[in-house]
Every structure is written in C-alpha cells, then in structure tokens.
Amino acid sequence: MQSSDNVEAALISILHESGKLTGTISHHEDLFTELGVKSANSISILLAMEDRFGLTIDDAKFVKARTLHNLIQLVNETVS
C-alpha cells in the first residue's frame, strides 16, 4: 500500500496531466465547478488512476468523488 503522501502526489500529477489543471489543487475544491475539470476529461482521469495505482475503480464511486480529498479516500478504500 502506498503512503497517503504518495497517493496525493500521484493524484495531483494525474489531475494536472489528464484533468488539464494548472496551479495548486486544494483538498476540498470541487474539481468540476471550482477548478474547471471538463466532464470529458473525467474518463482520462479515471483511466490514469486505474493505470497508476493498478486498480479497478467503481464508476459510481468515482463520479461521486469531486475533490482531491475524495479521490485520495477512493484510492485508499479501493486498495484496502
């Protein structure tokens, strides 16, 4: 299992690359309404997460994870 810091750093990298985000990403900002991730990029984010962490992530849970904090929790729950 990866440390929470490693998961966070990997997710931030994924959000910058696949989510087309720049700058700082707060743990509790909504990725879509506050940070501007396009819904079309969400599939790229999901696939990048699955590839990076070697997981299969439930689509319904992914759709509900709208913040960096939620994504970290999702990865940690899926690994457990």
C-alpha atoms as a PDB file:
ATOM      1  CA  MET A   1       0.000   0.000   0.000  1.00  0.00           C
ATOM      2  CA  GLN A   2       1.261   3.462  -0.852  1.00  0.00           C
ATOM      3  CA  SER A   3       1.542   6.232   1.692  1.00  0.00           C
ATOM      4  CA  SER A   4      -1.106   8.931   1.677  1.00  0.00           C
ATOM      5  CA  ASP A   5       1.506  11.487   0.571  1.00  0.00           C
ATOM      6  CA  ASN A   6       2.446   9.331  -2.424  1.00  0.00           C
ATOM      7  CA  VAL A   7      -1.205   8.859  -3.361  1.00  0.00           C
ATOM      8  CA  GLU A   8      -1.791  12.602  -3.098  1.00  0.00           C
ATOM      9  CA  ALA A   9       1.266  13.465  -5.217  1.00  0.00           C
ATOM     10  CA  ALA A  10       0.272  10.911  -7.870  1.00  0.00           C
ATOM     11  CA  LEU A  11      -3.304  12.220  -7.973  1.00  0.00           C
ATOM     12  CA  ILE A  12      -2.156  15.824  -8.300  1.00  0.00           C
ATOM     13  CA  SER A  13       0.051  14.769 -11.205  1.00  0.00           C
ATOM     14  CA  ILE A  14      -2.879  12.936 -12.832  1.00  0.00           C
ATOM     15  CA  LEU A  15      -5.178  15.941 -12.355  1.00  0.00           C
ATOM     16  CA  HIS A  16      -2.630  18.269 -13.930  1.00  0.00           C
ATOM     17  CA  GLU A  17      -1.998  15.975 -16.882  1.00  0.00           C
ATOM     18  CA  SER A  18      -5.330  14.249 -17.544  1.00  0.00           C
ATOM     19  CA  GLY A  19      -7.588  16.888 -15.992  1.00  0.00           C
ATOM     20  CA  LYS A  20      -5.749  19.737 -17.730  1.00  0.00           C
ATOM     21  CA  LEU A  21      -5.414  21.650 -14.451  1.00  0.00           C
ATOM     22  CA  THR A  22      -2.649  24.069 -13.571  1.00  0.00           C
ATOM     23  CA  GLY A  23      -1.584  25.515 -10.252  1.00  0.00           C
ATOM     24  CA  THR A  24      -2.385  24.431  -6.729  1.00  0.00           C
ATOM     25  CA  ILE A  25      -5.203  21.988  -6.085  1.00  0.00           C
ATOM     26  CA  SER A  26      -6.873  22.311  -2.687  1.00  0.00           C
ATOM     27  CA  HIS A  27      -8.157  19.201  -0.942  1.00  0.00           C
ATOM     28  CA  HIS A  28     -11.727  20.443  -0.804  1.00  0.00           C
ATOM     29  CA  GLU A  29     -12.278  22.428  -4.003  1.00  0.00           C
ATOM     30  CA  ASP A  30     -14.770  20.841  -6.378  1.00  0.00           C
ATOM     31  CA  LEU A  31     -12.767  19.627  -9.360  1.00  0.00           C
ATOM     32  CA  PHE A  32     -15.540  20.437 -11.796  1.00  0.00           C
ATOM     33  CA  THR A  33     -17.336  23.556 -10.574  1.00  0.00           C
ATOM     34  CA  GLU A  34     -14.422  25.312  -8.847  1.00  0.00           C
ATOM     35  CA  LEU A  35     -11.361  24.095 -10.745  1.00  0.00           C
ATOM     36  CA  GLY A  36     -12.865  23.632 -14.185  1.00  0.00           C
ATOM     37  CA  VAL A  37     -12.209  19.976 -14.990  1.00  0.00           C
ATOM     38  CA  LYS A  38     -14.277  19.157 -18.061  1.00  0.00           C
ATOM     39  CA  SER A  39     -16.516  16.106 -17.854  1.00  0.00           C
ATOM     40  CA  ALA A  40     -14.821  14.741 -20.977  1.00  0.00           C
ATOM     41  CA  ASN A  41     -11.522  14.711 -19.066  1.00  0.00           C
ATOM     42  CA  SER A  42     -13.004  12.721 -16.186  1.00  0.00           C
ATOM     43  CA  ILE A  43     -12.654   9.471 -18.164  1.00  0.00           C
ATOM     44  CA  SER A  44      -8.974  10.231 -18.748  1.00  0.00           C
ATOM     45  CA  ILE A  45      -8.563  10.878 -15.021  1.00  0.00           C
ATOM     46  CA  LEU A  46     -10.280   7.599 -14.121  1.00  0.00           C
ATOM     47  CA  LEU A  47      -8.193   5.575 -16.570  1.00  0.00           C
ATOM     48  CA  ALA A  48      -4.970   7.247 -15.432  1.00  0.00           C
ATOM     49  CA  MET A  49      -5.830   6.493 -11.801  1.00  0.00           C
ATOM     50  CA  GLU A  50      -6.532   2.848 -12.579  1.00  0.00           C
ATOM     51  CA  ASP A  51      -3.292   2.568 -14.536  1.00  0.00           C
ATOM     52  CA  ARG A  52      -1.149   4.395 -11.964  1.00  0.00           C
ATOM     53  CA  PHE A  53      -2.447   2.506  -8.934  1.00  0.00           C
ATOM     54  CA  GLY A  54      -3.168  -0.857 -10.628  1.00  0.00           C
ATOM     55  CA  LEU A  55      -6.801  -0.756  -9.531  1.00  0.00           C
ATOM     56  CA  THR A  56     -10.266  -1.156 -10.923  1.00  0.00           C
ATOM     57  CA  ILE A  57     -12.284   1.765  -9.604  1.00  0.00           C
ATOM     58  CA  ASP A  58     -16.060   1.598  -9.383  1.00  0.00           C
ATOM     59  CA  ASP A  59     -17.513   4.139 -11.835  1.00  0.00           C
ATOM     60  CA  ALA A  60     -20.352   5.151  -9.497  1.00  0.00           C
ATOM     61  CA  LYS A  61     -17.913   5.871  -6.652  1.00  0.00           C
ATOM     62  CA  PHE A  62     -15.594   7.785  -8.977  1.00  0.00           C
ATOM     63  CA  VAL A  63     -18.416  10.053 -10.159  1.00  0.00           C
ATOM     64  CA  LYS A  64     -19.191  10.978  -6.536  1.00  0.00           C
ATOM     65  CA  ALA A  65     -15.532  11.828  -5.778  1.00  0.00           C
ATOM     66  CA  ARG A  66     -15.489  15.507  -6.701  1.00  0.00           C
ATOM     67  CA  THR A  67     -12.495  16.749  -4.672  1.00  0.00           C
ATOM     68  CA  LEU A  68      -8.852  15.757  -4.271  1.00  0.00           C
ATOM     69  CA  HIS A  69      -9.704  14.646  -0.739  1.00  0.00           C
ATOM     70  CA  ASN A  70     -12.469  12.376  -2.098  1.00  0.00           C
ATOM     71  CA  LEU A  71     -10.112  10.884  -4.707  1.00  0.00           C
ATOM     72  CA  ILE A  72      -7.483  10.109  -2.055  1.00  0.00           C
ATOM     73  CA  GLN A  73     -10.156   8.378   0.034  1.00  0.00           C
ATOM     74  CA  LEU A  74     -11.398   6.465  -3.008  1.00  0.00           C
ATOM     75  CA  VAL A  75      -7.935   5.140  -3.832  1.00  0.00           C
ATOM     76  CA  ASN A  76      -7.279   4.181  -0.207  1.00  0.00           C
ATOM     77  CA  GLU A  77     -10.657   2.412   0.089  1.00  0.00           C
ATOM     78  CA  THR A  78     -10.164   0.564  -3.206  1.00  0.00           C
ATOM     79  CA  VAL A  79      -6.709  -0.636  -2.155  1.00  0.00           C
ATOM     80  CA  SER A  80      -7.995  -1.927   1.210  1.00  0.00           C
END
